[in-house]
Amino acid sequence: MTRTARLAMAWQAQSLLLGYPDADFWTRLPLIRQALHGVPAPVAAPLHRFLDHVDATPPTELAIDYVATFDNRKRCCLFLTYYQHGDTRNRGVALLKLKQTYKRGAMRLTDEELPDHLAVMLEFVASGDVEFGRALLGEHRVGIELLRFALTDAHSPWRGVLESICATLPALKGEERAAVARLAAEGPPEEQVGLAPFAPPEYMPQPAGGPR
């Protein structure tokens, strides 16, 4: 297996393991373990630790933990543009650019999928050019690192998946470390009061109760 194939395999495995643990999730586990053969230890070992936890956890318990971790904790958000833009109009623009990037790469999203979900981004980069994939993940490195820190602080088993993702990327540069520290201290930005959103309506937060 070539280095490129190993990296694509790792990203695909990470994508699947960050999905909600439904019936398909459990069906794919043996294939994921098999796919990790030949993947470098720094990338594969954290995934094997997570898989060992999954094997020892009842499906209902894992599903409850997933919801408690990713749906009920803002610090553990899987939507990467949130970390840099919060729920502002800038986030809407970032989402639109990502969707256009995926479209150029022949990836079509369903109506339920947002392009900045980490599992969606990993699925996309796993199917394309490795260096382009690294660059795209690098653009969202601050969010990935903040999510890794949050999962580590929460003692979440999913921290292993984030450790594996980070092991596929170059070491953080000085300005990236500074950006991570700044956002960790300040949190995502907030929209200025009184400014109308310029992002496409489908990417802006819906009012309570959803669209009418």
Foldseek 3Di string as FASTA:
>chain_A
DDPLLLLLLLLLLLLLVLDQLDPVSVVCLVVNVVSNVPRDCQQVVLVVLLSVVVVVDDNVVSNVVSCVQAVVDPLQDQQLLCLAANQALVSLVVQVVQQVVLVVVVDDDDLVDGSRRSSNLSNSCSPDDVVVSQVVCVVSVLSLVSNLVVCVVVVHSSNSSSSSVVVSHDDDDPVSVVVNVVSVVVPYDDYDPPDDRPHDPSRHDAPPPGDD
